[in-house]
Amino acid sequence: MPRQATEDEEIEKCFSVMSELRPHLRAEEFLPTVRQMESDGYRLAYSEKNGNVVAVAGYRIYTNLFMGKHLYVDDLVTSENVRSQGYGEDMMKWLRNIARQNDCQYFHLDSGTQRHQAHKFYFRQGFTIASYHFSEELVKS
C-alpha cells in the first residue's frame, strides 16, 4: 500500500527508483530539492516490497482556471525489476483516492512522447489524451 514520504529518510529511500525516471538527478540534491518543492505543494508517495522502495509518485493538488481543483502527477515510476506486478496500478488507485478525498475535479499527468509502454499503462488505467503539452527550454544568457 502506498504512503506519503514525510521523513527525510523516507524521501531519501525514494531516490534510486525516482532516478530511473529522472536520471539527471543527483542523490545529494534530491532531499533538499524535494523539501523546496514541498513549499509549492509537492508531495512524494512510495510503495515498498520487503523494505525496498519499488514505486514512487510525486504529485500536487492545486486549482487553476482550466481544471478547477485537481491532482497532478509530476512523477510516476515503478522500478524496472518489478514492473507488471501491480505496484503502478496500486499507486494509481491510491492517487485517485487522494484526489477524490480532496474533492478534486480532475486527476491528470503528462508523459513523454517516447514512453510508449507508460502510455499503454495509462490507457489501461482509464486515462485519455486530453491535450498537447508544449514547452520551451529557456537558456540562460
N, C-alpha and C. Protein backbone atom coordinates (compact mmCIF):
# COMPACT_ATOMS: atom_id res chain seq x y z
N MET A 1 0.84 -1.18 0.00
CA MET A 1 0.00 0.00 0.00
C MET A 1 0.89 1.25 0.00
N PRO A 2 0.68 2.13 -0.94
CA PRO A 2 1.46 3.37 -0.98
C PRO A 2 1.23 4.22 0.26
N ARG A 3 2.22 5.06 0.55
CA ARG A 3 2.08 6.02 1.64
C ARG A 3 2.94 7.24 1.32
N GLN A 4 2.61 8.33 1.97
CA GLN A 4 3.32 9.58 1.73
C GLN A 4 4.66 9.58 2.47
N ALA A 5 5.68 10.05 1.79
CA ALA A 5 7.01 10.19 2.39
C ALA A 5 7.06 11.55 3.07
N THR A 6 7.22 11.54 4.39
CA THR A 6 7.28 12.80 5.13
C THR A 6 8.62 12.98 5.84
N GLU A 7 9.24 11.91 6.23
CA GLU A 7 10.52 11.97 6.94
C GLU A 7 11.67 12.00 5.93
N ASP A 8 12.76 12.64 6.33
CA ASP A 8 13.93 12.72 5.44
C ASP A 8 14.36 11.33 4.95
N GLU A 9 14.39 10.38 5.85
CA GLU A 9 14.83 9.02 5.49
C GLU A 9 13.91 8.40 4.43
N GLU A 10 12.61 8.64 4.56
CA GLU A 10 11.66 8.10 3.58
C GLU A 10 11.90 8.73 2.21
N ILE A 11 12.11 10.03 2.19
CA ILE A 11 12.35 10.73 0.93
C ILE A 11 13.64 10.21 0.29
N GLU A 12 14.69 10.11 1.07
CA GLU A 12 15.97 9.63 0.55
C GLU A 12 15.87 8.21 0.00
N LYS A 13 15.05 7.36 0.62
CA LYS A 13 14.87 5.98 0.13
C LYS A 13 14.24 5.95 -1.26
N CYS A 14 13.55 7.01 -1.64
CA CYS A 14 12.86 7.06 -2.93
C CYS A 14 13.79 7.41 -4.09
N PHE A 15 14.98 7.89 -3.78
CA PHE A 15 15.88 8.39 -4.83
C PHE A 15 16.20 7.35 -5.91
N SER A 16 16.57 6.14 -5.51
CA SER A 16 17.04 5.17 -6.53
C SER A 16 15.95 4.86 -7.55
N VAL A 17 14.70 4.75 -7.10
CA VAL A 17 13.61 4.47 -8.05
C VAL A 17 13.30 5.72 -8.86
N MET A 18 13.24 6.89 -8.20
CA MET A 18 12.95 8.13 -8.93
C MET A 18 14.01 8.38 -9.99
N SER A 19 15.25 8.03 -9.72
CA SER A 19 16.32 8.28 -10.70
C SER A 19 16.19 7.39 -11.94
N GLU A 20 15.39 6.33 -11.87
CA GLU A 20 15.12 5.54 -13.08
C GLU A 20 14.31 6.38 -14.08
N LEU A 21 13.43 7.22 -13.55
CA LEU A 21 12.63 8.10 -14.40
C LEU A 21 13.36 9.40 -14.70
N ARG A 22 14.09 9.88 -13.71
CA ARG A 22 14.78 11.17 -13.81
C ARG A 22 16.29 10.96 -13.61
N PRO A 23 16.98 10.38 -14.61
CA PRO A 23 18.40 10.03 -14.44
C PRO A 23 19.33 11.23 -14.23
N HIS A 24 18.87 12.42 -14.51
CA HIS A 24 19.71 13.61 -14.32
C HIS A 24 19.83 14.01 -12.84
N LEU A 25 18.99 13.44 -11.98
CA LEU A 25 19.00 13.80 -10.56
C LEU A 25 20.28 13.33 -9.89
N ARG A 26 20.70 14.10 -8.90
CA ARG A 26 21.87 13.74 -8.10
C ARG A 26 21.42 13.45 -6.68
N ALA A 27 21.92 12.37 -6.11
CA ALA A 27 21.48 11.92 -4.79
C ALA A 27 21.61 13.00 -3.74
N GLU A 28 22.71 13.74 -3.74
CA GLU A 28 22.92 14.75 -2.70
C GLU A 28 22.00 15.96 -2.83
N GLU A 29 21.37 16.12 -3.99
CA GLU A 29 20.45 17.24 -4.20
C GLU A 29 18.98 16.83 -4.06
N PHE A 30 18.73 15.54 -3.99
CA PHE A 30 17.35 15.04 -4.01
C PHE A 30 16.54 15.53 -2.81
N LEU A 31 16.99 15.28 -1.61
CA LEU A 31 16.24 15.69 -0.42
C LEU A 31 16.01 17.20 -0.37
N PRO A 32 17.04 18.04 -0.53
CA PRO A 32 16.77 19.48 -0.48
C PRO A 32 15.83 19.96 -1.59
N THR A 33 15.92 19.33 -2.76
CA THR A 33 15.03 19.72 -3.85
C THR A 33 13.59 19.34 -3.54
N VAL A 34 13.37 18.13 -3.04
CA VAL A 34 12.01 17.71 -2.66
C VAL A 34 11.47 18.63 -1.58
N ARG A 35 12.28 18.94 -0.58
CA ARG A 35 11.84 19.83 0.50
C ARG A 35 11.47 21.21 -0.04
N GLN A 36 12.22 21.72 -0.99
CA GLN A 36 11.89 23.00 -1.61
C GLN A 36 10.57 22.90 -2.38
N MET A 37 10.40 21.81 -3.11
CA MET A 37 9.18 21.62 -3.89
C MET A 37 7.95 21.48 -2.99
N GLU A 38 8.14 20.94 -1.80
CA GLU A 38 7.02 20.80 -0.87
C GLU A 38 6.40 22.15 -0.53
N SER A 39 7.21 23.20 -0.54
CA SER A 39 6.66 24.53 -0.25
C SER A 39 5.72 24.99 -1.37
N ASP A 40 5.81 24.35 -2.53
CA ASP A 40 4.89 24.63 -3.64
C ASP A 40 3.78 23.60 -3.74
N GLY A 41 3.65 22.74 -2.72
CA GLY A 41 2.56 21.77 -2.69
C GLY A 41 2.93 20.37 -3.13
N TYR A 42 4.18 20.13 -3.51
CA TYR A 42 4.62 18.81 -3.97
C TYR A 42 4.57 17.82 -2.82
N ARG A 43 4.13 16.61 -3.13
CA ARG A 43 4.11 15.51 -2.16
C ARG A 43 4.72 14.30 -2.83
N LEU A 44 5.40 13.50 -2.04
CA LEU A 44 6.07 12.31 -2.56
C LEU A 44 5.46 11.09 -1.89
N ALA A 45 5.07 10.10 -2.69
CA ALA A 45 4.49 8.86 -2.17
C ALA A 45 5.34 7.70 -2.67
N TYR A 46 5.29 6.60 -1.92
CA TYR A 46 6.10 5.45 -2.31
C TYR A 46 5.44 4.15 -1.84
N SER A 47 5.83 3.07 -2.49
CA SER A 47 5.42 1.71 -2.11
C SER A 47 6.68 0.89 -1.91
N GLU A 48 6.59 -0.06 -0.99
CA GLU A 48 7.74 -0.91 -0.70
C GLU A 48 7.40 -2.38 -0.89
N LYS A 49 8.45 -3.15 -1.14
CA LYS A 49 8.37 -4.60 -1.17
C LYS A 49 9.58 -5.10 -0.39
N ASN A 50 9.32 -5.84 0.66
CA ASN A 50 10.39 -6.36 1.51
C ASN A 50 11.33 -5.26 1.99
N GLY A 51 10.76 -4.10 2.34
CA GLY A 51 11.55 -2.99 2.87
C GLY A 51 12.27 -2.15 1.84
N ASN A 52 12.11 -2.47 0.57
CA ASN A 52 12.75 -1.70 -0.51
C ASN A 52 11.69 -0.93 -1.29
N VAL A 53 11.98 0.33 -1.60
CA VAL A 53 11.06 1.14 -2.39
C VAL A 53 11.00 0.57 -3.80
N VAL A 54 9.78 0.35 -4.30
CA VAL A 54 9.60 -0.21 -5.65
C VAL A 54 8.79 0.69 -6.58
N ALA A 55 8.08 1.67 -6.01
CA ALA A 55 7.30 2.60 -6.82
C ALA A 55 7.28 3.95 -6.12
N VAL A 56 7.33 5.01 -6.92
CA VAL A 56 7.36 6.37 -6.39
C VAL A 56 6.45 7.25 -7.24
N ALA A 57 5.77 8.18 -6.58
CA ALA A 57 4.96 9.17 -7.29
C ALA A 57 5.12 10.52 -6.61
N GLY A 58 5.35 11.53 -7.41
CA GLY A 58 5.34 12.91 -6.94
C GLY A 58 4.09 13.56 -7.48
N TYR A 59 3.37 14.27 -6.62
CA TYR A 59 2.11 14.86 -7.05
C TYR A 59 1.84 16.14 -6.29
N ARG A 60 0.88 16.90 -6.79
CA ARG A 60 0.44 18.11 -6.10
C ARG A 60 -1.04 18.34 -6.38
N ILE A 61 -1.68 18.94 -5.43
CA ILE A 61 -3.09 19.31 -5.57
C ILE A 61 -3.14 20.82 -5.61
N TYR A 62 -3.76 21.33 -6.66
CA TYR A 62 -3.91 22.78 -6.75
C TYR A 62 -5.10 23.12 -7.64
N THR A 63 -5.37 24.40 -7.75
CA THR A 63 -6.53 24.89 -8.50
C THR A 63 -6.06 25.84 -9.59
N ASN A 64 -6.65 25.69 -10.77
CA ASN A 64 -6.42 26.68 -11.82
C ASN A 64 -7.74 26.93 -12.55
N LEU A 65 -7.75 27.90 -13.42
CA LEU A 65 -8.99 28.26 -14.13
C LEU A 65 -9.41 27.20 -15.13
N PHE A 66 -8.46 26.46 -15.67
CA PHE A 66 -8.74 25.46 -16.69
C PHE A 66 -9.45 24.23 -16.11
N MET A 67 -8.93 23.67 -15.03
CA MET A 67 -9.46 22.41 -14.49
C MET A 67 -10.08 22.54 -13.12
N GLY A 68 -10.05 23.70 -12.53
CA GLY A 68 -10.53 23.80 -11.17
C GLY A 68 -9.55 23.09 -10.24
N LYS A 69 -10.05 22.49 -9.19
CA LYS A 69 -9.19 21.77 -8.25
C LYS A 69 -8.84 20.41 -8.85
N HIS A 70 -7.55 20.08 -8.85
CA HIS A 70 -7.11 18.85 -9.49
C HIS A 70 -5.85 18.29 -8.82
N LEU A 71 -5.64 17.01 -9.02
CA LEU A 71 -4.40 16.36 -8.60
C LEU A 71 -3.59 16.10 -9.85
N TYR A 72 -2.40 16.67 -9.87
CA TYR A 72 -1.49 16.50 -11.00
C TYR A 72 -0.31 15.63 -10.57
N VAL A 73 -0.03 14.60 -11.35
CA VAL A 73 1.08 13.71 -11.08
C VAL A 73 2.31 14.22 -11.84
N ASP A 74 3.29 14.70 -11.08
CA ASP A 74 4.55 15.19 -11.67
C ASP A 74 5.44 14.03 -12.09
N ASP A 75 5.50 13.01 -11.26
CA ASP A 75 6.43 11.90 -11.44
C ASP A 75 5.72 10.60 -11.06
N LEU A 76 5.92 9.58 -11.85
CA LEU A 76 5.36 8.27 -11.53
C LEU A 76 6.27 7.21 -12.13
N VAL A 77 6.80 6.35 -11.28
CA VAL A 77 7.72 5.32 -11.78
C VAL A 77 7.67 4.10 -10.87
N THR A 78 7.69 2.96 -11.51
CA THR A 78 7.86 1.68 -10.82
C THR A 78 9.22 1.15 -11.23
N SER A 79 9.96 0.64 -10.27
CA SER A 79 11.29 0.11 -10.56
C SER A 79 11.21 -0.94 -11.65
N GLU A 80 12.13 -0.87 -12.57
CA GLU A 80 12.10 -1.74 -13.75
C GLU A 80 12.04 -3.23 -13.38
N ASN A 81 12.69 -3.62 -12.29
CA ASN A 81 12.73 -5.05 -11.94
C ASN A 81 11.43 -5.57 -11.32
N VAL A 82 10.44 -4.71 -11.07
CA VAL A 82 9.16 -5.19 -10.52
C VAL A 82 7.96 -4.68 -11.33
N ARG A 83 8.19 -4.22 -12.54
CA ARG A 83 7.08 -3.75 -13.37
C ARG A 83 6.14 -4.90 -13.71
N SER A 84 4.90 -4.55 -13.94
CA SER A 84 3.83 -5.52 -14.26
C SER A 84 3.52 -6.45 -13.10
N GLN A 85 3.79 -6.00 -11.88
CA GLN A 85 3.44 -6.78 -10.69
C GLN A 85 2.37 -6.07 -9.86
N GLY A 86 1.77 -5.01 -10.39
CA GLY A 86 0.66 -4.35 -9.73
C GLY A 86 1.02 -3.13 -8.91
N TYR A 87 2.30 -2.80 -8.78
CA TYR A 87 2.68 -1.65 -7.95
C TYR A 87 2.25 -0.32 -8.57
N GLY A 88 2.39 -0.20 -9.88
CA GLY A 88 1.95 1.02 -10.56
C GLY A 88 0.44 1.18 -10.47
N GLU A 89 -0.28 0.10 -10.67
CA GLU A 89 -1.74 0.15 -10.57
C GLU A 89 -2.18 0.52 -9.16
N ASP A 90 -1.52 -0.06 -8.15
CA ASP A 90 -1.84 0.29 -6.76
C ASP A 90 -1.59 1.77 -6.49
N MET A 91 -0.48 2.28 -7.03
CA MET A 91 -0.16 3.70 -6.83
C MET A 91 -1.21 4.58 -7.50
N MET A 92 -1.64 4.19 -8.70
CA MET A 92 -2.67 4.98 -9.39
C MET A 92 -3.98 4.98 -8.60
N LYS A 93 -4.37 3.84 -8.08
CA LYS A 93 -5.59 3.77 -7.27
C LYS A 93 -5.46 4.65 -6.04
N TRP A 94 -4.30 4.60 -5.39
CA TRP A 94 -4.06 5.40 -4.20
C TRP A 94 -4.14 6.89 -4.52
N LEU A 95 -3.49 7.31 -5.61
CA LEU A 95 -3.51 8.71 -6.02
C LEU A 95 -4.93 9.16 -6.39
N ARG A 96 -5.65 8.31 -7.11
CA ARG A 96 -7.03 8.63 -7.48
C ARG A 96 -7.88 8.82 -6.22
N ASN A 97 -7.64 7.99 -5.24
CA ASN A 97 -8.36 8.09 -3.97
C ASN A 97 -8.03 9.40 -3.25
N ILE A 98 -6.76 9.78 -3.25
CA ILE A 98 -6.34 11.05 -2.65
C ILE A 98 -7.06 12.21 -3.36
N ALA A 99 -7.14 12.14 -4.68
CA ALA A 99 -7.83 13.18 -5.45
C ALA A 99 -9.30 13.27 -5.04
N ARG A 100 -9.94 12.14 -4.93
CA ARG A 100 -11.36 12.13 -4.54
C ARG A 100 -11.54 12.65 -3.12
N GLN A 101 -10.68 12.23 -2.20
CA GLN A 101 -10.77 12.69 -0.81
C GLN A 101 -10.60 14.20 -0.69
N ASN A 102 -9.88 14.78 -1.63
CA ASN A 102 -9.64 16.21 -1.63
C ASN A 102 -10.57 16.98 -2.56
N ASP A 103 -11.66 16.31 -2.98
CA ASP A 103 -12.68 16.93 -3.83
C ASP A 103 -12.12 17.51 -5.13
N CYS A 104 -11.15 16.81 -5.72
CA CYS A 104 -10.58 17.24 -6.99
C CYS A 104 -11.54 16.91 -8.13
N GLN A 105 -11.59 17.78 -9.10
CA GLN A 105 -12.42 17.56 -10.28
C GLN A 105 -11.69 16.72 -11.32
N TYR A 106 -10.35 16.76 -11.31
CA TYR A 106 -9.56 16.03 -12.29
C TYR A 106 -8.35 15.38 -11.63
N PHE A 107 -7.90 14.32 -12.26
CA PHE A 107 -6.70 13.58 -11.91
C PHE A 107 -5.94 13.44 -13.22
N HIS A 108 -4.75 14.01 -13.33
CA HIS A 108 -4.08 14.01 -14.64
C HIS A 108 -2.57 14.02 -14.51
N LEU A 109 -1.91 13.81 -15.65
CA LEU A 109 -0.46 13.76 -15.73
C LEU A 109 -0.02 14.00 -17.16
N ASP A 110 1.26 14.26 -17.33
CA ASP A 110 1.88 14.34 -18.65
C ASP A 110 2.82 13.15 -18.77
N SER A 111 3.08 12.74 -19.99
CA SER A 111 4.01 11.63 -20.23
C SER A 111 4.79 11.93 -21.49
N GLY A 112 6.10 11.73 -21.43
CA GLY A 112 6.96 11.96 -22.59
C GLY A 112 6.50 11.16 -23.79
N THR A 113 6.59 11.75 -24.95
CA THR A 113 6.11 11.09 -26.17
C THR A 113 6.82 9.79 -26.47
N GLN A 114 8.03 9.60 -25.97
CA GLN A 114 8.80 8.40 -26.22
C GLN A 114 8.45 7.25 -25.28
N ARG A 115 7.61 7.46 -24.28
CA ARG A 115 7.34 6.46 -23.25
C ARG A 115 6.14 5.58 -23.62
N HIS A 116 6.26 4.81 -24.67
CA HIS A 116 5.16 4.03 -25.22
C HIS A 116 4.57 3.03 -24.23
N GLN A 117 5.41 2.34 -23.48
CA GLN A 117 4.91 1.37 -22.50
C GLN A 117 4.11 2.07 -21.41
N ALA A 118 4.58 3.24 -20.99
CA ALA A 118 3.84 4.01 -19.99
C ALA A 118 2.47 4.41 -20.53
N HIS A 119 2.41 4.79 -21.80
CA HIS A 119 1.15 5.20 -22.39
C HIS A 119 0.14 4.05 -22.38
N LYS A 120 0.61 2.86 -22.71
CA LYS A 120 -0.27 1.69 -22.66
C LYS A 120 -0.83 1.50 -21.26
N PHE A 121 0.04 1.66 -20.26
CA PHE A 121 -0.38 1.55 -18.86
C PHE A 121 -1.43 2.60 -18.54
N TYR A 122 -1.22 3.86 -18.94
CA TYR A 122 -2.18 4.93 -18.63
C TYR A 122 -3.52 4.68 -19.31
N PHE A 123 -3.51 4.20 -20.53
CA PHE A 123 -4.77 3.87 -21.20
C PHE A 123 -5.51 2.78 -20.43
N ARG A 124 -4.78 1.76 -19.96
CA ARG A 124 -5.42 0.70 -19.17
C ARG A 124 -5.99 1.24 -17.87
N GLN A 125 -5.42 2.32 -17.38
CA GLN A 125 -5.90 2.94 -16.14
C GLN A 125 -7.10 3.87 -16.37
N GLY A 126 -7.51 4.02 -17.62
CA GLY A 126 -8.69 4.82 -17.93
C GLY A 126 -8.40 6.25 -18.37
N PHE A 127 -7.14 6.59 -18.55
CA PHE A 127 -6.79 7.93 -19.00
C PHE A 127 -7.01 8.07 -20.50
N THR A 128 -7.24 9.28 -20.93
CA THR A 128 -7.33 9.61 -22.36
C THR A 128 -6.35 10.74 -22.64
N ILE A 129 -6.00 10.90 -23.90
CA ILE A 129 -5.15 12.03 -24.28
C ILE A 129 -6.06 13.24 -24.41
N ALA A 130 -5.84 14.21 -23.52
CA ALA A 130 -6.74 15.36 -23.46
C ALA A 130 -6.17 16.61 -24.13
N SER A 131 -4.86 16.68 -24.28
CA SER A 131 -4.27 17.88 -24.89
C SER A 131 -2.82 17.61 -25.24
N TYR A 132 -2.25 18.54 -25.97
CA TYR A 132 -0.82 18.54 -26.22
C TYR A 132 -0.20 19.43 -25.15
N HIS A 133 1.00 19.11 -24.77
CA HIS A 133 1.73 19.94 -23.80
C HIS A 133 2.92 20.53 -24.54
N PHE A 134 3.00 21.83 -24.60
CA PHE A 134 4.09 22.50 -25.30
C PHE A 134 5.06 23.07 -24.28
N SER A 135 6.35 23.03 -24.62
CA SER A 135 7.34 23.59 -23.72
C SER A 135 8.48 24.20 -24.52
N GLU A 136 9.21 25.04 -23.86
CA GLU A 136 10.40 25.65 -24.45
C GLU A 136 11.45 25.73 -23.36
N GLU A 137 12.61 25.20 -23.62
CA GLU A 137 13.70 25.31 -22.66
C GLU A 137 14.29 26.71 -22.78
N LEU A 138 14.35 27.40 -21.66
CA LEU A 138 14.90 28.74 -21.64
C LEU A 138 16.37 28.66 -21.27
N VAL A 139 17.20 29.11 -22.17
CA VAL A 139 18.64 29.05 -21.99
C VAL A 139 19.09 30.34 -21.33
N LYS A 140 19.91 30.18 -20.28
CA LYS A 140 20.43 31.37 -19.60
C LYS A 140 21.43 32.07 -20.49
N SER A 141 21.38 33.39 -20.47
CA SER A 141 22.33 34.13 -21.32
C SER A 141 23.48 34.68 -20.50
